[in-house]
N, C-alpha and C. Protein backbone atom coordinates (compact mmCIF):
# COMPACT_ATOMS: atom_id res chain seq x y z
N MET A 1 3.03 -7.50 14.23
CA MET A 1 3.71 -6.26 14.49
C MET A 1 3.60 -5.93 15.96
N ILE A 2 4.66 -5.38 16.50
CA ILE A 2 4.69 -5.00 17.91
C ILE A 2 4.34 -3.51 18.05
N VAL A 3 3.37 -3.23 18.87
CA VAL A 3 2.99 -1.86 19.22
C VAL A 3 3.71 -1.53 20.53
N THR A 4 4.33 -0.35 20.58
CA THR A 4 5.16 0.02 21.73
C THR A 4 4.62 1.23 22.48
N LEU A 5 5.23 1.46 23.63
CA LEU A 5 4.89 2.64 24.42
C LEU A 5 5.17 3.91 23.62
N ASP A 6 6.21 3.89 22.81
CA ASP A 6 6.51 5.05 21.96
C ASP A 6 5.35 5.35 21.03
N HIS A 7 4.75 4.33 20.45
CA HIS A 7 3.57 4.55 19.60
C HIS A 7 2.45 5.20 20.42
N LEU A 8 2.23 4.68 21.62
CA LEU A 8 1.17 5.21 22.48
C LEU A 8 1.40 6.69 22.78
N ARG A 9 2.65 7.06 22.99
CA ARG A 9 2.97 8.45 23.33
C ARG A 9 2.91 9.40 22.14
N ARG A 10 3.02 8.86 20.92
CA ARG A 10 3.08 9.71 19.74
C ARG A 10 1.85 9.66 18.84
N VAL A 11 0.94 8.72 19.09
CA VAL A 11 -0.23 8.60 18.24
C VAL A 11 -1.01 9.92 18.22
N PRO A 12 -1.43 10.37 17.03
CA PRO A 12 -2.26 11.57 17.00
C PRO A 12 -3.53 11.31 17.80
N GLY A 13 -3.76 12.14 18.77
CA GLY A 13 -4.90 11.94 19.65
C GLY A 13 -6.13 12.67 19.16
N PHE A 14 -7.06 12.78 20.04
CA PHE A 14 -8.32 13.42 19.71
C PHE A 14 -8.45 14.77 20.41
N GLY A 15 -7.34 15.21 21.00
CA GLY A 15 -7.31 16.49 21.70
C GLY A 15 -6.20 17.36 21.13
N VAL A 16 -5.77 18.30 21.91
CA VAL A 16 -4.76 19.26 21.49
C VAL A 16 -3.38 18.61 21.39
N ARG A 17 -3.06 17.75 22.36
CA ARG A 17 -1.72 17.14 22.41
C ARG A 17 -1.71 15.79 21.71
N GLU A 18 -0.54 15.44 21.17
CA GLU A 18 -0.42 14.11 20.57
C GLU A 18 -0.25 13.06 21.65
N GLY A 19 -0.56 11.85 21.31
CA GLY A 19 -0.35 10.72 22.21
C GLY A 19 -1.50 10.52 23.18
N PHE A 20 -1.53 9.33 23.73
CA PHE A 20 -2.49 8.99 24.78
C PHE A 20 -1.74 9.02 26.11
N CYS A 21 -2.38 9.42 27.17
CA CYS A 21 -1.71 9.53 28.47
C CYS A 21 -1.48 8.14 29.07
N ALA A 22 -0.42 8.04 29.87
CA ALA A 22 -0.06 6.77 30.50
C ALA A 22 -1.15 6.29 31.45
N GLN A 23 -1.74 7.19 32.22
CA GLN A 23 -2.79 6.79 33.16
C GLN A 23 -3.97 6.16 32.42
N GLY A 24 -4.39 6.80 31.36
CA GLY A 24 -5.47 6.25 30.55
C GLY A 24 -5.07 4.92 29.92
N GLY A 25 -3.82 4.82 29.50
CA GLY A 25 -3.32 3.57 28.94
C GLY A 25 -3.36 2.44 29.95
N ARG A 26 -2.92 2.72 31.17
CA ARG A 26 -2.96 1.71 32.24
C ARG A 26 -4.40 1.25 32.49
N GLU A 27 -5.32 2.21 32.54
CA GLU A 27 -6.73 1.87 32.77
C GLU A 27 -7.30 1.06 31.62
N TRP A 28 -6.93 1.44 30.40
CA TRP A 28 -7.41 0.73 29.21
C TRP A 28 -6.91 -0.71 29.23
N PHE A 29 -5.62 -0.90 29.50
CA PHE A 29 -5.04 -2.24 29.56
C PHE A 29 -5.72 -3.07 30.65
N ALA A 30 -5.95 -2.49 31.81
CA ALA A 30 -6.61 -3.21 32.91
C ALA A 30 -8.03 -3.61 32.51
N TYR A 31 -8.75 -2.71 31.87
CA TYR A 31 -10.13 -2.98 31.46
C TYR A 31 -10.21 -4.20 30.55
N TYR A 32 -9.22 -4.33 29.65
CA TYR A 32 -9.21 -5.44 28.70
C TYR A 32 -8.37 -6.63 29.17
N GLY A 33 -7.88 -6.58 30.40
CA GLY A 33 -7.13 -7.70 30.95
C GLY A 33 -5.77 -7.90 30.32
N LEU A 34 -5.18 -6.82 29.81
CA LEU A 34 -3.86 -6.87 29.19
C LEU A 34 -2.81 -6.40 30.19
N ASP A 35 -1.61 -6.89 30.04
CA ASP A 35 -0.52 -6.64 30.99
C ASP A 35 0.22 -5.34 30.64
N TRP A 36 -0.06 -4.28 31.41
CA TRP A 36 0.55 -2.98 31.18
C TRP A 36 2.07 -3.04 31.35
N SER A 37 2.54 -3.70 32.38
CA SER A 37 3.99 -3.78 32.64
C SER A 37 4.72 -4.46 31.49
N ALA A 38 4.16 -5.54 30.98
CA ALA A 38 4.77 -6.24 29.84
C ALA A 38 4.76 -5.33 28.61
N PHE A 39 3.69 -4.59 28.42
CA PHE A 39 3.61 -3.65 27.29
C PHE A 39 4.70 -2.60 27.39
N VAL A 40 4.87 -2.01 28.55
CA VAL A 40 5.90 -0.98 28.74
C VAL A 40 7.28 -1.57 28.46
N ARG A 41 7.50 -2.77 28.92
CA ARG A 41 8.81 -3.42 28.79
C ARG A 41 9.07 -3.92 27.36
N ASP A 42 8.08 -4.60 26.77
CA ASP A 42 8.31 -5.35 25.53
C ASP A 42 7.44 -4.94 24.35
N GLY A 43 6.43 -4.11 24.59
CA GLY A 43 5.44 -3.86 23.56
C GLY A 43 4.40 -4.98 23.57
N ILE A 44 3.48 -4.92 22.63
CA ILE A 44 2.40 -5.92 22.55
C ILE A 44 2.09 -6.18 21.09
N GLU A 45 1.75 -7.42 20.78
CA GLU A 45 1.34 -7.75 19.41
C GLU A 45 0.08 -6.97 19.06
N ALA A 46 0.06 -6.41 17.87
CA ALA A 46 -1.09 -5.64 17.41
C ALA A 46 -2.37 -6.46 17.48
N GLU A 47 -2.26 -7.75 17.22
CA GLU A 47 -3.45 -8.62 17.23
C GLU A 47 -4.13 -8.66 18.59
N ALA A 48 -3.34 -8.55 19.66
CA ALA A 48 -3.93 -8.56 21.01
C ALA A 48 -4.79 -7.32 21.23
N ILE A 49 -4.33 -6.18 20.73
CA ILE A 49 -5.11 -4.95 20.83
C ILE A 49 -6.30 -5.01 19.89
N GLU A 50 -6.05 -5.50 18.69
CA GLU A 50 -7.11 -5.62 17.68
C GLU A 50 -8.27 -6.47 18.19
N ALA A 51 -7.95 -7.51 18.94
CA ALA A 51 -8.97 -8.43 19.45
C ALA A 51 -9.96 -7.75 20.38
N THR A 52 -9.58 -6.61 20.97
CA THR A 52 -10.50 -5.90 21.84
C THR A 52 -11.63 -5.25 21.05
N GLY A 53 -11.35 -4.90 19.79
CA GLY A 53 -12.34 -4.21 18.97
C GLY A 53 -12.54 -2.76 19.36
N ASP A 54 -11.76 -2.28 20.31
CA ASP A 54 -11.90 -0.93 20.83
C ASP A 54 -11.39 0.11 19.83
N ALA A 55 -12.14 1.17 19.62
CA ALA A 55 -11.79 2.19 18.63
C ALA A 55 -10.44 2.85 18.93
N LEU A 56 -10.15 3.14 20.19
CA LEU A 56 -8.86 3.76 20.52
C LEU A 56 -7.72 2.81 20.21
N GLY A 57 -7.89 1.54 20.54
CA GLY A 57 -6.87 0.54 20.24
C GLY A 57 -6.66 0.39 18.74
N LEU A 58 -7.74 0.38 17.98
CA LEU A 58 -7.63 0.26 16.53
C LEU A 58 -6.95 1.48 15.94
N HIS A 59 -7.20 2.64 16.50
CA HIS A 59 -6.53 3.87 16.07
C HIS A 59 -5.03 3.78 16.33
N LEU A 60 -4.66 3.28 17.49
CA LEU A 60 -3.25 3.11 17.85
C LEU A 60 -2.56 2.14 16.89
N ILE A 61 -3.21 1.03 16.58
CA ILE A 61 -2.64 0.05 15.65
C ILE A 61 -2.46 0.66 14.26
N ALA A 62 -3.44 1.39 13.79
CA ALA A 62 -3.34 2.02 12.47
C ALA A 62 -2.15 2.96 12.43
N PHE A 63 -1.94 3.72 13.50
CA PHE A 63 -0.79 4.62 13.57
C PHE A 63 0.52 3.83 13.54
N ALA A 64 0.61 2.78 14.35
CA ALA A 64 1.84 1.97 14.41
C ALA A 64 2.13 1.34 13.06
N ARG A 65 1.12 0.86 12.38
CA ARG A 65 1.32 0.25 11.06
C ARG A 65 1.75 1.30 10.03
N ALA A 66 1.18 2.48 10.10
CA ALA A 66 1.59 3.56 9.19
C ALA A 66 3.04 3.94 9.44
N GLU A 67 3.45 4.00 10.70
CA GLU A 67 4.84 4.29 11.04
C GLU A 67 5.76 3.21 10.46
N ALA A 68 5.37 1.95 10.60
CA ALA A 68 6.18 0.84 10.08
C ALA A 68 6.28 0.92 8.56
N ALA A 69 5.20 1.30 7.91
CA ALA A 69 5.20 1.42 6.45
C ALA A 69 6.13 2.53 5.98
N ARG A 70 6.29 3.55 6.82
CA ARG A 70 7.20 4.65 6.50
C ARG A 70 8.62 4.35 6.95
N GLY A 71 8.83 3.16 7.51
CA GLY A 71 10.17 2.77 7.95
C GLY A 71 10.54 3.27 9.32
N GLN A 72 9.55 3.71 10.10
CA GLN A 72 9.80 4.19 11.46
C GLN A 72 9.26 3.15 12.43
N GLN A 73 9.90 3.04 13.57
CA GLN A 73 9.43 2.10 14.59
C GLN A 73 9.01 2.89 15.75
């Protein structure tokens, strides 16, 4: 499954607003050696995020999969 920037922007967060911020996303991708520009352009396979084992990434994947199960992309 492909996780997209739209998922990142809409995932229920841990604060008042929904979504994760782009700046934090860029930093997160850099920390794990993932290509932010490719993600913005094409999305990323959920398995690549899952491989990090990071709780925020796993939360994002769970949201994207739930959206797909409801027929939303």
